[in-house]
Amino acid sequence: MHDIYEQINMPVEDFQTPASGKIIQAAFCRESIYENGRPRLVSPDCRTGTVTDIINVKDLPPVYDPNDEFEPRFNAFPYNDTSGIKRKD
């Protein structure tokens, strides 16, 4: 959201986080968002840059670790491969 506010040139006073400290600005790894679909906080392993956004402290995701991000989020092939199934004649 921070980037959107910058693009539309909203006044800075409209983008202040509350004094409670429960809403903070966090830096996310761009790679975790656009390549893996799982927003993760920036770490030294992040190769593609950062995206800054506001988030509730209770919703903070873990730090980005490329070794944990090997599982696909969706099945690109939703149908079973039937080429190896033998027909009964």
Protein backbone atom coordinates (compact mmCIF):
# COMPACT_ATOMS: atom_id res chain seq x y z
CA MET A 1 0.00 0.00 0.00
CA HIS A 2 2.87 2.38 0.73
CA ASP A 3 3.93 2.26 -2.92
CA ILE A 4 0.37 3.03 -4.02
CA TYR A 5 0.24 6.07 -1.73
CA GLU A 6 3.52 7.29 -3.20
CA GLN A 7 2.19 6.90 -6.75
CA ILE A 8 -0.96 8.91 -6.08
CA ASN A 9 1.00 11.54 -4.08
CA MET A 10 -1.06 11.39 -0.89
CA PRO A 11 0.16 13.71 1.87
CA VAL A 12 2.55 12.08 4.35
CA GLU A 13 0.26 12.82 7.31
CA ASP A 14 -2.35 10.52 5.73
CA PHE A 15 0.11 7.64 5.89
CA GLN A 16 1.13 7.66 9.56
CA THR A 17 1.10 4.40 11.48
CA PRO A 18 -0.92 4.40 14.72
CA ALA A 19 0.84 5.17 18.00
CA SER A 20 -0.10 1.75 19.41
CA GLY A 21 2.73 0.15 17.42
CA LYS A 22 0.50 -2.69 16.23
CA ILE A 23 0.61 -1.53 12.61
CA ILE A 24 4.14 -1.26 11.22
CA GLN A 25 5.94 -0.86 7.93
CA ALA A 26 7.69 -4.06 6.90
CA ALA A 27 10.05 -4.91 4.05
CA PHE A 28 9.09 -8.01 2.09
CA CYS A 29 11.23 -9.98 -0.34
CA ARG A 30 9.96 -9.27 -3.86
CA GLU A 31 10.89 -12.79 -4.97
CA SER A 32 8.70 -14.39 -2.29
CA ILE A 33 5.68 -12.43 -3.50
CA TYR A 34 5.97 -12.54 -7.28
CA GLU A 35 7.65 -15.93 -7.79
CA ASN A 36 6.41 -18.02 -4.87
CA GLY A 37 3.14 -16.34 -3.96
CA ARG A 38 4.02 -16.32 -0.25
CA PRO A 39 4.99 -12.91 1.17
CA ARG A 40 8.04 -13.28 3.43
CA LEU A 41 10.12 -10.70 5.27
CA VAL A 42 13.41 -9.62 3.72
CA SER A 43 16.50 -11.69 4.48
CA PRO A 44 20.08 -11.73 3.14
CA ASP A 45 19.00 -14.52 0.75
CA CYS A 46 16.52 -12.26 -1.05
CA ARG A 47 17.96 -11.66 -4.53
CA THR A 48 15.30 -9.55 -6.22
CA GLY A 49 14.82 -6.54 -3.97
CA THR A 50 12.22 -5.46 -1.47
CA VAL A 51 8.62 -4.30 -1.35
CA THR A 52 7.61 -2.14 1.61
CA ASP A 53 4.08 -2.33 2.95
CA ILE A 54 2.15 -1.85 6.17
CA ILE A 55 1.06 -4.87 8.19
CA ASN A 56 -0.38 -5.74 11.57
CA VAL A 57 2.32 -7.05 13.92
CA LYS A 58 0.27 -10.18 14.71
CA ASP A 59 0.20 -11.06 10.97
CA LEU A 60 3.95 -10.83 10.33
CA PRO A 61 5.14 -13.74 8.16
CA PRO A 62 8.46 -15.53 8.70
CA VAL A 63 11.72 -14.37 7.14
CA TYR A 64 12.33 -15.47 3.54
CA ASP A 65 14.35 -18.67 3.21
CA PRO A 66 14.79 -20.00 -0.35
CA ASN A 67 15.36 -23.53 0.98
CA ASP A 68 11.82 -23.58 2.40
CA GLU A 69 10.22 -22.37 -0.82
CA PHE A 70 10.54 -25.45 -3.02
CA GLU A 71 6.91 -26.60 -2.80
CA PRO A 72 4.60 -25.34 -5.55
CA ARG A 73 1.50 -23.48 -4.31
CA PHE A 74 -0.68 -24.96 -7.01
CA ASN A 75 -0.73 -27.97 -9.29
CA ALA A 76 0.02 -26.86 -12.84
CA PHE A 77 -1.34 -30.17 -14.12
CA PRO A 78 -4.71 -30.77 -12.43
CA TYR A 79 -5.42 -33.97 -14.36
CA ASN A 80 -3.80 -37.32 -13.66
CA ASP A 81 -1.34 -38.65 -16.20
CA THR A 82 -3.10 -41.63 -17.77
CA SER A 83 -0.38 -42.48 -20.30
CA GLY A 84 1.08 -45.20 -18.05
CA ILE A 85 -2.23 -46.91 -17.27
CA LYS A 86 -2.79 -50.19 -19.08
CA ARG A 87 -6.23 -50.90 -20.46
CA LYS A 88 -8.02 -54.11 -19.68
CA ASP A 89 -9.00 -55.86 -22.89
